[in-house]
Amino acid sequence: MAFEAFVSPLSWQQVSLLLDTVQYFEDAPKLLSLPQEQGASVPVPITSDTLKSMLDCLDQEEAFSRKAFSLRWETTEDKESGFLVVELPNGDIVRQPAVLSAFSPV
């Protein structure tokens, strides 16, 4: 289920809605479809903590202004787990561990 690295242009409003969705499904994590700059959306195993970090680097005053987030998947040796790596627009990196089987499609 690993995915190719991609860039997702997201606004404060979009990330806020994604965070609400993830928090709603906290007990049963879902793969969230994030838009790419070009092409179809990509299902990503993302947690509320990662989305909070993403939201923190966006400005609510510019709720519809999009910023580029770079996302990639790093697989570990067992192939069932790995890290979602998100490069934030401010240059910070979030490395979120994830076990793919814990996330189901929406």
N, C-alpha and C. Protein backbone atom coordinates (compact mmCIF):
# COMPACT_ATOMS: atom_id res chain seq x y z
N MET A 1 0.82 -1.20 0.00
CA MET A 1 0.00 0.00 0.00
C MET A 1 0.86 1.25 0.00
N ALA A 2 2.16 1.04 -0.05
CA ALA A 2 3.04 2.21 -0.09
C ALA A 2 2.67 3.06 -1.30
N PHE A 3 3.02 4.34 -1.24
CA PHE A 3 2.67 5.24 -2.34
C PHE A 3 3.91 6.01 -2.75
N GLU A 4 3.86 6.51 -3.97
CA GLU A 4 4.94 7.35 -4.47
C GLU A 4 4.90 8.68 -3.74
N ALA A 5 6.06 9.29 -3.58
CA ALA A 5 6.11 10.62 -2.97
C ALA A 5 5.29 11.58 -3.82
N PHE A 6 4.59 12.50 -3.14
CA PHE A 6 3.79 13.48 -3.87
C PHE A 6 3.69 14.76 -3.07
N VAL A 7 3.23 15.80 -3.74
CA VAL A 7 3.01 17.10 -3.09
C VAL A 7 1.50 17.34 -3.04
N SER A 8 1.02 17.73 -1.87
CA SER A 8 -0.39 18.01 -1.69
C SER A 8 -0.57 19.47 -1.29
N PRO A 9 -1.21 20.27 -2.16
CA PRO A 9 -1.48 21.66 -1.81
C PRO A 9 -2.74 21.75 -0.95
N LEU A 10 -2.57 22.11 0.32
CA LEU A 10 -3.70 22.12 1.25
C LEU A 10 -3.84 23.48 1.92
N SER A 11 -5.09 23.83 2.20
CA SER A 11 -5.37 25.08 2.90
C SER A 11 -5.67 24.78 4.37
N TRP A 12 -5.70 25.83 5.20
CA TRP A 12 -6.05 25.69 6.61
C TRP A 12 -7.43 25.03 6.73
N GLN A 13 -8.37 25.46 5.90
CA GLN A 13 -9.71 24.92 5.97
C GLN A 13 -9.72 23.41 5.66
N GLN A 14 -8.98 23.00 4.63
CA GLN A 14 -8.95 21.57 4.27
C GLN A 14 -8.33 20.74 5.38
N VAL A 15 -7.19 21.19 5.92
CA VAL A 15 -6.51 20.42 6.96
C VAL A 15 -7.40 20.36 8.22
N SER A 16 -8.09 21.43 8.51
CA SER A 16 -9.01 21.46 9.65
C SER A 16 -10.13 20.43 9.49
N LEU A 17 -10.70 20.34 8.29
CA LEU A 17 -11.74 19.34 8.02
C LEU A 17 -11.18 17.92 8.09
N LEU A 18 -9.97 17.71 7.56
CA LEU A 18 -9.34 16.39 7.63
C LEU A 18 -9.11 15.99 9.09
N LEU A 19 -8.68 16.95 9.91
CA LEU A 19 -8.45 16.68 11.32
C LEU A 19 -9.77 16.28 12.01
N ASP A 20 -10.84 17.00 11.72
CA ASP A 20 -12.15 16.63 12.28
C ASP A 20 -12.54 15.21 11.90
N THR A 21 -12.29 14.86 10.65
CA THR A 21 -12.62 13.51 10.15
C THR A 21 -11.82 12.45 10.89
N VAL A 22 -10.50 12.67 11.02
CA VAL A 22 -9.64 11.70 11.68
C VAL A 22 -10.02 11.55 13.16
N GLN A 23 -10.33 12.66 13.80
CA GLN A 23 -10.72 12.59 15.21
C GLN A 23 -12.04 11.84 15.38
N TYR A 24 -12.93 11.98 14.42
CA TYR A 24 -14.20 11.26 14.46
C TYR A 24 -13.98 9.75 14.39
N PHE A 25 -12.97 9.33 13.61
CA PHE A 25 -12.68 7.90 13.43
C PHE A 25 -11.50 7.44 14.28
N GLU A 26 -11.21 8.16 15.39
CA GLU A 26 -10.03 7.88 16.20
C GLU A 26 -9.92 6.41 16.60
N ASP A 27 -11.06 5.76 16.91
CA ASP A 27 -11.04 4.36 17.36
C ASP A 27 -10.90 3.38 16.21
N ALA A 28 -11.12 3.83 14.99
CA ALA A 28 -11.01 2.98 13.81
C ALA A 28 -10.35 3.79 12.70
N PRO A 29 -9.01 3.91 12.74
CA PRO A 29 -8.30 4.79 11.79
C PRO A 29 -8.62 4.45 10.33
N LYS A 30 -8.77 5.50 9.54
CA LYS A 30 -9.07 5.37 8.11
C LYS A 30 -7.94 5.97 7.28
N LEU A 31 -7.81 5.46 6.08
CA LEU A 31 -6.91 6.07 5.11
C LEU A 31 -7.60 7.32 4.59
N LEU A 32 -6.93 8.45 4.62
CA LEU A 32 -7.52 9.69 4.11
C LEU A 32 -7.00 9.95 2.72
N SER A 33 -7.87 10.33 1.81
CA SER A 33 -7.45 10.67 0.45
C SER A 33 -7.01 12.13 0.41
N LEU A 34 -5.74 12.35 0.12
CA LEU A 34 -5.20 13.70 0.02
C LEU A 34 -4.99 14.04 -1.45
N PRO A 35 -5.35 15.25 -1.85
CA PRO A 35 -5.18 15.65 -3.25
C PRO A 35 -3.71 15.83 -3.60
N GLN A 36 -3.36 15.46 -4.83
CA GLN A 36 -2.03 15.73 -5.37
C GLN A 36 -2.10 17.00 -6.21
N GLU A 37 -0.91 17.57 -6.48
CA GLU A 37 -0.88 18.72 -7.39
C GLU A 37 -1.44 18.31 -8.74
N GLN A 38 -1.04 17.12 -9.19
CA GLN A 38 -1.56 16.59 -10.45
C GLN A 38 -1.94 15.14 -10.24
N GLY A 39 -3.08 14.75 -10.79
CA GLY A 39 -3.48 13.36 -10.70
C GLY A 39 -4.50 13.11 -9.61
N ALA A 40 -4.78 11.83 -9.41
CA ALA A 40 -5.80 11.40 -8.47
C ALA A 40 -5.34 11.59 -7.03
N SER A 41 -6.30 11.61 -6.12
CA SER A 41 -5.98 11.68 -4.70
C SER A 41 -5.28 10.40 -4.26
N VAL A 42 -4.51 10.51 -3.17
CA VAL A 42 -3.72 9.38 -2.67
C VAL A 42 -4.21 9.02 -1.27
N PRO A 43 -4.56 7.73 -1.04
CA PRO A 43 -4.96 7.31 0.31
C PRO A 43 -3.73 7.24 1.22
N VAL A 44 -3.79 7.93 2.36
CA VAL A 44 -2.64 8.08 3.24
C VAL A 44 -3.02 7.69 4.67
N PRO A 45 -2.18 6.89 5.35
CA PRO A 45 -2.44 6.56 6.76
C PRO A 45 -1.96 7.70 7.65
N ILE A 46 -2.85 8.62 7.99
CA ILE A 46 -2.44 9.82 8.70
C ILE A 46 -3.19 9.94 10.03
N THR A 47 -2.50 10.41 11.06
CA THR A 47 -3.10 10.51 12.39
C THR A 47 -3.41 11.96 12.74
N SER A 48 -4.19 12.14 13.80
CA SER A 48 -4.56 13.48 14.22
C SER A 48 -3.34 14.30 14.64
N ASP A 49 -2.34 13.66 15.26
CA ASP A 49 -1.14 14.40 15.67
C ASP A 49 -0.41 14.99 14.47
N THR A 50 -0.32 14.22 13.39
CA THR A 50 0.33 14.71 12.18
C THR A 50 -0.48 15.86 11.58
N LEU A 51 -1.79 15.70 11.54
CA LEU A 51 -2.64 16.76 11.00
C LEU A 51 -2.56 18.03 11.85
N LYS A 52 -2.44 17.87 13.17
CA LYS A 52 -2.29 19.04 14.05
C LYS A 52 -1.00 19.79 13.72
N SER A 53 0.07 19.04 13.49
CA SER A 53 1.34 19.67 13.10
C SER A 53 1.20 20.41 11.78
N MET A 54 0.46 19.82 10.84
CA MET A 54 0.22 20.46 9.55
C MET A 54 -0.60 21.74 9.73
N LEU A 55 -1.62 21.65 10.57
CA LEU A 55 -2.50 22.80 10.81
C LEU A 55 -1.74 23.95 11.48
N ASP A 56 -0.83 23.58 12.39
CA ASP A 56 -0.06 24.59 13.13
C ASP A 56 0.79 25.47 12.22
N CYS A 57 1.17 24.98 11.06
CA CYS A 57 2.03 25.81 10.19
C CYS A 57 1.21 26.56 9.13
N LEU A 58 -0.11 26.51 9.26
CA LEU A 58 -0.98 27.27 8.36
C LEU A 58 -1.63 28.41 9.14
N ASP A 59 -2.04 29.43 8.43
CA ASP A 59 -2.62 30.62 9.05
C ASP A 59 -4.14 30.62 8.87
N GLN A 60 -4.86 30.57 9.99
CA GLN A 60 -6.33 30.57 9.93
C GLN A 60 -6.85 31.84 9.26
N GLU A 61 -6.09 32.94 9.37
CA GLU A 61 -6.51 34.20 8.73
C GLU A 61 -6.55 34.06 7.21
N GLU A 62 -5.76 33.13 6.69
CA GLU A 62 -5.75 32.85 5.24
C GLU A 62 -6.27 31.43 5.03
N ALA A 63 -7.50 31.19 5.47
CA ALA A 63 -8.06 29.84 5.54
C ALA A 63 -8.11 29.11 4.20
N PHE A 64 -8.17 29.87 3.08
CA PHE A 64 -8.31 29.22 1.77
C PHE A 64 -7.01 29.26 0.97
N SER A 65 -5.96 29.82 1.55
CA SER A 65 -4.67 29.88 0.88
C SER A 65 -3.96 28.53 1.02
N ARG A 66 -3.57 27.94 -0.11
CA ARG A 66 -2.97 26.60 -0.08
C ARG A 66 -1.45 26.68 0.04
N LYS A 67 -0.92 25.73 0.81
CA LYS A 67 0.53 25.58 0.95
C LYS A 67 0.87 24.15 0.55
N ALA A 68 2.10 23.96 0.09
CA ALA A 68 2.52 22.64 -0.39
C ALA A 68 3.09 21.79 0.74
N PHE A 69 2.52 20.61 0.90
CA PHE A 69 3.03 19.61 1.83
C PHE A 69 3.59 18.46 1.00
N SER A 70 4.83 18.06 1.28
CA SER A 70 5.43 16.92 0.58
C SER A 70 5.25 15.68 1.45
N LEU A 71 4.69 14.63 0.87
CA LEU A 71 4.45 13.40 1.61
C LEU A 71 5.14 12.23 0.93
N ARG A 72 5.70 11.35 1.75
CA ARG A 72 6.28 10.11 1.21
C ARG A 72 6.15 9.01 2.25
N TRP A 73 6.29 7.78 1.80
CA TRP A 73 6.18 6.62 2.67
C TRP A 73 7.53 5.93 2.74
N GLU A 74 7.98 5.64 3.96
CA GLU A 74 9.20 4.87 4.17
C GLU A 74 8.81 3.54 4.78
N THR A 75 9.05 2.47 4.03
CA THR A 75 8.69 1.13 4.49
C THR A 75 9.78 0.59 5.42
N THR A 76 9.36 -0.14 6.45
CA THR A 76 10.32 -0.82 7.31
C THR A 76 10.49 -2.24 6.77
N GLU A 77 11.33 -3.01 7.44
CA GLU A 77 11.66 -4.35 6.93
C GLU A 77 10.46 -5.28 6.83
N ASP A 78 9.48 -5.13 7.72
CA ASP A 78 8.34 -6.06 7.68
C ASP A 78 7.27 -5.67 6.66
N LYS A 79 7.45 -4.58 5.95
CA LYS A 79 6.59 -4.12 4.86
C LYS A 79 5.17 -3.75 5.30
N GLU A 80 4.76 -4.17 6.49
CA GLU A 80 3.41 -3.88 6.97
C GLU A 80 3.38 -2.58 7.77
N SER A 81 4.57 -2.12 8.16
CA SER A 81 4.63 -0.87 8.90
C SER A 81 5.69 0.03 8.28
N GLY A 82 5.68 1.27 8.72
CA GLY A 82 6.65 2.21 8.18
C GLY A 82 6.40 3.58 8.75
N PHE A 83 6.84 4.58 8.01
CA PHE A 83 6.69 5.96 8.44
C PHE A 83 6.07 6.80 7.34
N LEU A 84 5.06 7.57 7.72
CA LEU A 84 4.56 8.62 6.85
C LEU A 84 5.44 9.83 7.15
N VAL A 85 6.14 10.32 6.13
CA VAL A 85 7.03 11.46 6.30
C VAL A 85 6.39 12.66 5.60
N VAL A 86 6.14 13.70 6.37
CA VAL A 86 5.49 14.90 5.84
C VAL A 86 6.45 16.08 6.01
N GLU A 87 6.80 16.69 4.89
CA GLU A 87 7.59 17.92 4.96
C GLU A 87 6.62 19.08 4.95
N LEU A 88 6.67 19.87 6.03
CA LEU A 88 5.76 20.99 6.18
C LEU A 88 6.26 22.20 5.40
N PRO A 89 5.37 23.12 5.05
CA PRO A 89 5.77 24.31 4.28
C PRO A 89 6.86 25.15 4.99
N ASN A 90 6.94 25.04 6.32
CA ASN A 90 7.96 25.80 7.06
C ASN A 90 9.30 25.07 7.12
N GLY A 91 9.40 23.90 6.46
CA GLY A 91 10.65 23.16 6.41
C GLY A 91 10.77 22.07 7.46
N ASP A 92 9.89 22.06 8.46
CA ASP A 92 9.92 21.01 9.48
C ASP A 92 9.49 19.68 8.87
N ILE A 93 9.94 18.59 9.49
CA ILE A 93 9.60 17.25 9.02
C ILE A 93 8.86 16.51 10.14
N VAL A 94 7.75 15.88 9.79
CA VAL A 94 7.01 15.02 10.72
C VAL A 94 7.20 13.59 10.25
N ARG A 95 7.69 12.72 11.16
CA ARG A 95 7.82 11.28 10.86
C ARG A 95 6.83 10.54 11.74
N GLN A 96 5.75 10.10 11.12
CA GLN A 96 4.68 9.42 11.85
C GLN A 96 4.77 7.92 11.60
N PRO A 97 5.01 7.12 12.65
CA PRO A 97 4.99 5.67 12.46
C PRO A 97 3.56 5.20 12.19
N ALA A 98 3.41 4.20 11.35
CA ALA A 98 2.08 3.67 11.04
C ALA A 98 2.16 2.19 10.69
N VAL A 99 1.19 1.44 11.16
CA VAL A 99 1.02 0.04 10.77
C VAL A 99 -0.15 0.04 9.79
N LEU A 100 0.14 -0.31 8.54
CA LEU A 100 -0.86 -0.16 7.48
C LEU A 100 -2.14 -0.94 7.75
N SER A 101 -2.04 -2.13 8.35
CA SER A 101 -3.24 -2.94 8.59
C SER A 101 -4.17 -2.29 9.61
N ALA A 102 -3.70 -1.30 10.36
CA ALA A 102 -4.55 -0.61 11.35
C ALA A 102 -5.47 0.41 10.69
N PHE A 103 -5.19 0.75 9.43
CA PHE A 103 -5.98 1.76 8.71
C PHE A 103 -6.85 1.09 7.66
N SER A 104 -8.13 1.45 7.65
CA SER A 104 -9.02 0.87 6.64
C SER A 104 -9.46 1.97 5.68
N PRO A 105 -9.86 1.59 4.46
CA PRO A 105 -10.36 2.60 3.51
C PRO A 105 -11.62 3.25 4.06
N VAL A 106 -11.86 4.50 3.68
CA VAL A 106 -13.06 5.20 4.15
C VAL A 106 -14.28 4.62 3.46
